[in-house]
Amino acid sequence: MKTDVSAKVLVDTSVWIAYFRKQEPQFGRLTELIDQDRVACCGVILAELMQGAKSARELKMLKDFLAVFEFPKEAAGSWASAGELSYSLRKSGSAAGLADCYLAALALENGYTVMSLDKHFDEIAKTVNIRLL
């Protein structure tokens, strides 16, 4: 599906890690999205980033995500959608982690584009109509 240039972008953990390591092109692209106020985050991504924090300072900076970025309302239905997507992928001979399926479900529910380095999203996009950046 074509990317909407004004849509919020749900940035996956893999991209944040590249960003914090100042790896291009992710660093430059994510900096642009932050400057444009187009970044969305969710609980799973924040938790994954926080668990990998290297210091109390990093942990505090990550907690600030709650005030800086859009967080969608997360509901039990989103998890049910993720489970159903995971089931569909498995039945079709593909696979993706439950967290990735959950991100895809949130993206669909909220009209987000997904930015990830994880190739599982290419497989997910063959099953459901998510936008990838």
C-alpha atoms as a PDB file:
ATOM      1  CA  MET A   1       0.000   0.000   0.000  1.00  0.00           C
ATOM      2  CA  LYS A   2       1.236   3.499  -0.771  1.00  0.00           C
ATOM      3  CA  THR A   3       2.566   5.550   2.150  1.00  0.00           C
ATOM      4  CA  ASP A   4       0.541   8.589   3.229  1.00  0.00           C
ATOM      5  CA  VAL A   5       3.096  11.391   3.654  1.00  0.00           C
ATOM      6  CA  SER A   6       1.082  12.987   6.474  1.00  0.00           C
ATOM      7  CA  ALA A   7       0.232   9.848   8.466  1.00  0.00           C
ATOM      8  CA  LYS A   8       1.697   9.178  11.875  1.00  0.00           C
ATOM      9  CA  VAL A   9       4.436   6.580  11.751  1.00  0.00           C
ATOM     10  CA  LEU A  10       4.606   3.778  14.302  1.00  0.00           C
ATOM     11  CA  VAL A  11       8.365   3.387  14.703  1.00  0.00           C
ATOM     12  CA  ASP A  12       9.451  -0.139  15.615  1.00  0.00           C
ATOM     13  CA  THR A  13      12.153  -0.937  18.152  1.00  0.00           C
ATOM     14  CA  SER A  14      14.644  -1.918  15.429  1.00  0.00           C
ATOM     15  CA  VAL A  15      14.536   1.585  13.954  1.00  0.00           C
ATOM     16  CA  TRP A  16      14.891   3.250  17.364  1.00  0.00           C
ATOM     17  CA  ILE A  17      17.997   1.176  18.048  1.00  0.00           C
ATOM     18  CA  ALA A  18      19.515   2.257  14.723  1.00  0.00           C
ATOM     19  CA  TYR A  19      18.539   5.851  15.519  1.00  0.00           C
ATOM     20  CA  PHE A  20      20.215   5.808  18.936  1.00  0.00           C
ATOM     21  CA  ARG A  21      23.343   4.376  17.293  1.00  0.00           C
ATOM     22  CA  LYS A  22      23.133   7.229  14.725  1.00  0.00           C
ATOM     23  CA  GLN A  23      23.008   4.715  11.871  1.00  0.00           C
ATOM     24  CA  GLU A  24      21.972   6.100   8.515  1.00  0.00           C
ATOM     25  CA  PRO A  25      19.576   6.231   6.812  1.00  0.00           C
ATOM     26  CA  GLN A  26      17.379   5.539   9.863  1.00  0.00           C
ATOM     27  CA  PHE A  27      18.874   8.373  11.923  1.00  0.00           C
ATOM     28  CA  GLY A  28      18.148  11.015   9.290  1.00  0.00           C
ATOM     29  CA  ARG A  29      14.701   9.711   8.372  1.00  0.00           C
ATOM     30  CA  LEU A  30      13.544   9.375  11.970  1.00  0.00           C
ATOM     31  CA  THR A  31      14.914  12.827  12.805  1.00  0.00           C
ATOM     32  CA  GLU A  32      12.749  14.194   9.969  1.00  0.00           C
ATOM     33  CA  LEU A  33       9.675  12.404  11.297  1.00  0.00           C
ATOM     34  CA  ILE A  34      10.292  13.690  14.832  1.00  0.00           C
ATOM     35  CA  ASP A  35      10.688  17.241  13.500  1.00  0.00           C
ATOM     36  CA  GLN A  36       7.406  16.835  11.589  1.00  0.00           C
ATOM     37  CA  ASP A  37       5.610  15.526  14.715  1.00  0.00           C
ATOM     38  CA  ARG A  38       4.704  12.331  12.874  1.00  0.00           C
ATOM     39  CA  VAL A  39       6.051   9.703  15.310  1.00  0.00           C
ATOM     40  CA  ALA A  40       3.801   7.338  17.223  1.00  0.00           C
ATOM     41  CA  CYS A  41       4.856   4.820  19.831  1.00  0.00           C
ATOM     42  CA  CYS A  42       3.097   2.152  21.882  1.00  0.00           C
ATOM     43  CA  GLY A  43       3.572   0.297  25.129  1.00  0.00           C
ATOM     44  CA  VAL A  44       5.313  -2.750  23.666  1.00  0.00           C
ATOM     45  CA  ILE A  45       7.901  -0.650  21.824  1.00  0.00           C
ATOM     46  CA  LEU A  46       8.535   1.536  24.859  1.00  0.00           C
ATOM     47  CA  ALA A  47       8.903  -1.512  27.110  1.00  0.00           C
ATOM     48  CA  GLU A  48      11.354  -3.156  24.691  1.00  0.00           C
ATOM     49  CA  LEU A  49      13.450   0.010  24.566  1.00  0.00           C
ATOM     50  CA  MET A  50      13.369   0.469  28.351  1.00  0.00           C
ATOM     51  CA  GLN A  51      14.448  -3.102  29.027  1.00  0.00           C
ATOM     52  CA  GLY A  52      17.546  -2.472  26.908  1.00  0.00           C
ATOM     53  CA  ALA A  53      18.470   0.853  28.539  1.00  0.00           C
ATOM     54  CA  LYS A  54      22.157   1.098  29.420  1.00  0.00           C
ATOM     55  CA  SER A  55      21.805   3.647  32.236  1.00  0.00           C
ATOM     56  CA  ALA A  56      19.336   5.424  34.498  1.00  0.00           C
ATOM     57  CA  ARG A  57      19.753   8.479  32.253  1.00  0.00           C
ATOM     58  CA  GLU A  58      18.700   6.471  29.178  1.00  0.00           C
ATOM     59  CA  LEU A  59      15.776   5.022  31.095  1.00  0.00           C
ATOM     60  CA  LYS A  60      14.569   8.504  32.059  1.00  0.00           C
ATOM     61  CA  MET A  61      14.904   9.730  28.470  1.00  0.00           C
ATOM     62  CA  LEU A  62      12.822   6.787  27.267  1.00  0.00           C
ATOM     63  CA  LYS A  63      10.131   7.491  29.874  1.00  0.00           C
ATOM     64  CA  ASP A  64       9.858  10.959  28.329  1.00  0.00           C
ATOM     65  CA  PHE A  65       8.490   9.267  25.192  1.00  0.00           C
ATOM     66  CA  LEU A  66       5.133   9.226  27.004  1.00  0.00           C
ATOM     67  CA  ALA A  67       4.995  13.025  26.907  1.00  0.00           C
ATOM     68  CA  VAL A  68       6.607  13.533  23.500  1.00  0.00           C
ATOM     69  CA  PHE A  69       5.040  11.019  21.106  1.00  0.00           C
ATOM     70  CA  GLU A  70       1.493   9.960  20.295  1.00  0.00           C
ATOM     71  CA  PHE A  71       0.444   6.744  22.015  1.00  0.00           C
ATOM     72  CA  PRO A  72      -2.758   5.114  20.749  1.00  0.00           C
ATOM     73  CA  LYS A  73      -5.331   3.740  23.125  1.00  0.00           C
ATOM     74  CA  GLU A  74      -4.499   0.100  23.460  1.00  0.00           C
ATOM     75  CA  ALA A  75      -7.375  -2.283  23.993  1.00  0.00           C
ATOM     76  CA  ALA A  76      -7.908  -5.997  24.414  1.00  0.00           C
ATOM     77  CA  GLY A  77      -9.381  -6.046  20.913  1.00  0.00           C
ATOM     78  CA  SER A  78      -5.995  -5.029  19.516  1.00  0.00           C
ATOM     79  CA  TRP A  79      -4.435  -8.097  21.085  1.00  0.00           C
ATOM     80  CA  ALA A  80      -7.232 -10.267  19.704  1.00  0.00           C
ATOM     81  CA  SER A  81      -6.561  -8.828  16.237  1.00  0.00           C
ATOM     82  CA  ALA A  82      -2.853  -9.564  16.687  1.00  0.00           C
ATOM     83  CA  GLY A  83      -3.595 -13.160  17.654  1.00  0.00           C
ATOM     84  CA  GLU A  84      -5.883 -13.584  14.666  1.00  0.00           C
ATOM     85  CA  LEU A  85      -3.245 -12.132  12.343  1.00  0.00           C
ATOM     86  CA  SER A  86      -0.596 -14.439  13.790  1.00  0.00           C
ATOM     87  CA  TYR A  87      -2.947 -17.389  13.261  1.00  0.00           C
ATOM     88  CA  SER A  88      -3.596 -16.347   9.634  1.00  0.00           C
ATOM     89  CA  LEU A  89       0.108 -15.978   8.935  1.00  0.00           C
ATOM     90  CA  ARG A  90       0.886 -19.371  10.417  1.00  0.00           C
ATOM     91  CA  LYS A  91      -1.915 -21.025   8.410  1.00  0.00           C
ATOM     92  CA  SER A  92      -0.547 -19.495   5.203  1.00  0.00           C
ATOM     93  CA  GLY A  93       2.970 -20.795   5.909  1.00  0.00           C
ATOM     94  CA  SER A  94       4.439 -17.503   7.131  1.00  0.00           C
ATOM     95  CA  ALA A  95       5.297 -16.420  10.608  1.00  0.00           C
ATOM     96  CA  ALA A  96       5.827 -13.233  12.578  1.00  0.00           C
ATOM     97  CA  GLY A  97       6.243 -12.615  16.263  1.00  0.00           C
ATOM     98  CA  LEU A  98       3.199 -11.680  18.297  1.00  0.00           C
ATOM     99  CA  ALA A  99       4.659  -8.227  19.061  1.00  0.00           C
ATOM    100  CA  ASP A 100       4.996  -7.523  15.320  1.00  0.00           C
ATOM    101  CA  CYS A 101       1.432  -8.699  14.733  1.00  0.00           C
ATOM    102  CA  TYR A 102       0.311  -6.405  17.552  1.00  0.00           C
ATOM    103  CA  LEU A 103       2.102  -3.430  15.971  1.00  0.00           C
ATOM    104  CA  ALA A 104       0.408  -4.239  12.671  1.00  0.00           C
ATOM    105  CA  ALA A 105      -2.983  -4.398  14.405  1.00  0.00           C
ATOM    106  CA  LEU A 106      -2.390  -1.004  16.054  1.00  0.00           C
ATOM    107  CA  ALA A 107      -1.265   0.459  12.737  1.00  0.00           C
ATOM    108  CA  LEU A 108      -4.439  -0.740  11.028  1.00  0.00           C
ATOM    109  CA  GLU A 109      -6.709   0.476  13.831  1.00  0.00           C
ATOM    110  CA  ASN A 110      -5.112   3.931  13.974  1.00  0.00           C
ATOM    111  CA  GLY A 111      -4.208   4.600  10.338  1.00  0.00           C
ATOM    112  CA  TYR A 112      -0.477   4.513  11.070  1.00  0.00           C
ATOM    113  CA  THR A 113       2.343   3.724   8.693  1.00  0.00           C
ATOM    114  CA  VAL A 114       4.888   1.249  10.124  1.00  0.00           C
ATOM    115  CA  MET A 115       8.629   1.911  10.019  1.00  0.00           C
ATOM    116  CA  SER A 116      10.673  -1.189  10.824  1.00  0.00           C
ATOM    117  CA  LEU A 117      13.859  -2.946   9.809  1.00  0.00           C
ATOM    118  CA  ASP A 118      12.148  -6.266  10.550  1.00  0.00           C
ATOM    119  CA  LYS A 119      11.418  -8.204   7.354  1.00  0.00           C
ATOM    120  CA  HIS A 120       8.430  -9.865   9.044  1.00  0.00           C
ATOM    121  CA  PHE A 121       6.446  -6.755   8.193  1.00  0.00           C
ATOM    122  CA  ASP A 122       6.846  -7.521   4.489  1.00  0.00           C
ATOM    123  CA  GLU A 123       5.116 -10.849   5.146  1.00  0.00           C
ATOM    124  CA  ILE A 124       2.456  -9.202   7.297  1.00  0.00           C
ATOM    125  CA  ALA A 125       1.743  -6.677   4.523  1.00  0.00           C
ATOM    126  CA  LYS A 126       0.934  -9.580   2.193  1.00  0.00           C
ATOM    127  CA  THR A 127      -1.832 -10.642   4.595  1.00  0.00           C
ATOM    128  CA  VAL A 128      -3.232  -7.335   5.840  1.00  0.00           C
ATOM    129  CA  ASN A 129      -3.234  -3.921   4.246  1.00  0.00           C
ATOM    130  CA  ILE A 130      -0.640  -2.078   6.354  1.00  0.00           C
ATOM    131  CA  ARG A 131       1.447   0.803   5.037  1.00  0.00           C
ATOM    132  CA  LEU A 132       5.208   0.406   5.336  1.00  0.00           C
ATOM    133  CA  LEU A 133       7.798   3.146   5.235  1.00  0.00           C
END
